[in-house]
C-alpha atoms as a PDB file:
ATOM      1  CA  UNK A   1      40.876  98.980  30.796  1.00  0.00           C
ATOM      2  CA  UNK A   2      44.184 100.718  30.136  1.00  0.00           C
ATOM      3  CA  UNK A   3      47.214  99.350  28.326  1.00  0.00           C
ATOM      4  CA  UNK A   4      50.778 100.172  29.432  1.00  0.00           C
ATOM      5  CA  UNK A   5      52.444 102.760  27.230  1.00  0.00           C
ATOM      6  CA  UNK A   6      55.840 101.918  25.784  1.00  0.00           C
ATOM      7  CA  UNK A   7      58.852 104.044  26.592  1.00  0.00           C
ATOM      8  CA  UNK A   8      62.205 104.078  28.294  1.00  0.00           C
ATOM      9  CA  UNK A   9      60.988 105.118  31.738  1.00  0.00           C
ATOM     10  CA  UNK A  10      60.056 102.309  34.139  1.00  0.00           C
ATOM     11  CA  UNK A  11      56.376 101.486  34.395  1.00  0.00           C
ATOM     12  CA  UNK A  12      54.206  99.763  36.949  1.00  0.00           C
ATOM     13  CA  UNK A  13      55.692  98.974  40.332  1.00  0.00           C
ATOM     14  CA  UNK A  14      59.129 100.422  39.513  1.00  0.00           C
ATOM     15  CA  UNK A  15      57.507 103.685  38.385  1.00  0.00           C
ATOM     16  CA  UNK A  16      55.459 103.912  41.582  1.00  0.00           C
ATOM     17  CA  UNK A  17      58.582 103.556  43.714  1.00  0.00           C
ATOM     18  CA  UNK A  18      60.457 106.070  41.543  1.00  0.00           C
ATOM     19  CA  UNK A  19      57.573 108.535  41.792  1.00  0.00           C
ATOM     20  CA  UNK A  20      57.526 108.217  45.585  1.00  0.00           C
ATOM     21  CA  UNK A  21      61.278 108.769  45.748  1.00  0.00           C
ATOM     22  CA  UNK A  22      61.042 111.800  43.428  1.00  0.00           C
ATOM     23  CA  UNK A  23      58.637 113.289  45.987  1.00  0.00           C
ATOM     24  CA  UNK A  24      61.228 112.585  48.736  1.00  0.00           C
ATOM     25  CA  UNK A  25      58.796 110.416  50.663  1.00  0.00           C
ATOM     26  CA  UNK A  26      59.404 107.194  52.500  1.00  0.00           C
ATOM     27  CA  UNK A  27      56.985 104.349  51.892  1.00  0.00           C
ATOM     28  CA  UNK A  28      55.593 104.933  55.373  1.00  0.00           C
ATOM     29  CA  UNK A  29      55.004 108.635  54.668  1.00  0.00           C
ATOM     30  CA  UNK A  30      53.236 107.997  51.369  1.00  0.00           C
ATOM     31  CA  UNK A  31      51.071 105.263  52.852  1.00  0.00           C
ATOM     32  CA  UNK A  32      50.144 107.572  55.738  1.00  0.00           C
ATOM     33  CA  UNK A  33      49.273 110.550  53.520  1.00  0.00           C
ATOM     34  CA  UNK A  34      47.343 108.313  51.118  1.00  0.00           C
ATOM     35  CA  UNK A  35      45.459 106.653  53.964  1.00  0.00           C
ATOM     36  CA  UNK A  36      46.425 103.158  52.849  1.00  0.00           C
ATOM     37  CA  UNK A  37      48.205 100.318  54.629  1.00  0.00           C
ATOM     38  CA  UNK A  38      51.978 100.259  54.320  1.00  0.00           C
ATOM     39  CA  UNK A  39      51.698  96.615  53.285  1.00  0.00           C
ATOM     40  CA  UNK A  40      49.452  97.608  50.368  1.00  0.00           C
ATOM     41  CA  UNK A  41      52.027 100.111  49.121  1.00  0.00           C
ATOM     42  CA  UNK A  42      54.827  97.599  49.667  1.00  0.00           C
ATOM     43  CA  UNK A  43      52.974  94.965  47.617  1.00  0.00           C
ATOM     44  CA  UNK A  44      52.369  97.465  44.808  1.00  0.00           C
ATOM     45  CA  UNK A  45      55.973  98.691  44.736  1.00  0.00           C
ATOM     46  CA  UNK A  46      57.445  95.193  44.863  1.00  0.00           C
ATOM     47  CA  UNK A  47      55.208  93.856  42.112  1.00  0.00           C
ATOM     48  CA  UNK A  48      53.527  91.297  44.381  1.00  0.00           C
ATOM     49  CA  UNK A  49      50.299  93.142  43.537  1.00  0.00           C
ATOM     50  CA  UNK A  50      49.920  94.296  39.956  1.00  0.00           C
ATOM     51  CA  UNK A  51      49.521  98.031  39.436  1.00  0.00           C
ATOM     52  CA  UNK A  52      46.885  97.253  36.794  1.00  0.00           C
ATOM     53  CA  UNK A  53      44.803  95.499  39.464  1.00  0.00           C
ATOM     54  CA  UNK A  54      45.041  98.357  41.971  1.00  0.00           C
ATOM     55  CA  UNK A  55      41.686  99.470  43.348  1.00  0.00           C
ATOM     56  CA  UNK A  56      40.469 102.793  41.987  1.00  0.00           C
ATOM     57  CA  UNK A  57      40.167 104.322  45.430  1.00  0.00           C
ATOM     58  CA  UNK A  58      43.756 103.305  46.241  1.00  0.00           C
ATOM     59  CA  UNK A  59      44.980 104.919  43.016  1.00  0.00           C
ATOM     60  CA  UNK A  60      42.984 108.070  43.774  1.00  0.00           C
ATOM     61  CA  UNK A  61      44.394 108.293  47.308  1.00  0.00           C
ATOM     62  CA  UNK A  62      47.960 107.788  46.083  1.00  0.00           C
ATOM     63  CA  UNK A  63      47.523 110.385  43.335  1.00  0.00           C
ATOM     64  CA  UNK A  64      46.126 112.899  45.812  1.00  0.00           C
ATOM     65  CA  UNK A  65      48.925 112.248  48.317  1.00  0.00           C
ATOM     66  CA  UNK A  66      51.448 112.888  45.543  1.00  0.00           C
ATOM     67  CA  UNK A  67      49.652 116.049  44.410  1.00  0.00           C
ATOM     68  CA  UNK A  68      48.760 114.612  41.018  1.00  0.00           C
ATOM     69  CA  UNK A  69      45.610 114.193  38.988  1.00  0.00           C
ATOM     70  CA  UNK A  70      44.442 110.610  38.543  1.00  0.00           C
ATOM     71  CA  UNK A  71      45.174 110.824  34.807  1.00  0.00           C
ATOM     72  CA  UNK A  72      48.740 112.080  35.377  1.00  0.00           C
ATOM     73  CA  UNK A  73      49.325 109.441  38.050  1.00  0.00           C
ATOM     74  CA  UNK A  74      48.141 106.575  35.845  1.00  0.00           C
ATOM     75  CA  UNK A  75      50.062 107.928  32.856  1.00  0.00           C
ATOM     76  CA  UNK A  76      53.234 108.117  34.955  1.00  0.00           C
ATOM     77  CA  UNK A  77      52.763 104.484  35.924  1.00  0.00           C
ATOM     78  CA  UNK A  78      52.533 103.622  32.234  1.00  0.00           C
ATOM     79  CA  UNK A  79      48.804 103.257  31.808  1.00  0.00           C
ATOM     80  CA  UNK A  80      46.976 105.196  29.121  1.00  0.00           C
ATOM     81  CA  UNK A  81      43.284 105.843  29.514  1.00  0.00           C
ATOM     82  CA  UNK A  82      42.003 105.523  25.955  1.00  0.00           C
ATOM     83  CA  UNK A  83      42.466 101.774  25.331  1.00  0.00           C
ATOM     84  CA  UNK A  84      39.763  99.354  26.328  1.00  0.00           C
ATOM     85  CA  UNK A  85      42.027  96.315  26.739  1.00  0.00           C
ATOM     86  CA  UNK A  86      43.964  95.623  29.901  1.00  0.00           C
ATOM     87  CA  UNK A  87      47.709  95.255  30.324  1.00  0.00           C
ATOM     88  CA  UNK A  88      47.541  91.463  30.314  1.00  0.00           C
ATOM     89  CA  UNK A  89      45.452  91.198  27.133  1.00  0.00           C
END
């Protein structure tokens, strides 16, 4: 699994919210375009659900709705793809 990358930009839930806002989308709009429940997006953005535990299909739908590749989306959220350990390890 991926490990968060260090840096000055927010990662995880804060980065997801920032990314949505950079695309000038409300939470409702992003949830609609991604085909996910608004409550799912709300839980991810608030940190009640960990970004690292997000389902792959949810991540793929969010990336597509934001016009990003999965790799770019996960990198933006602070998750590299070459480590085998997870963020909590």
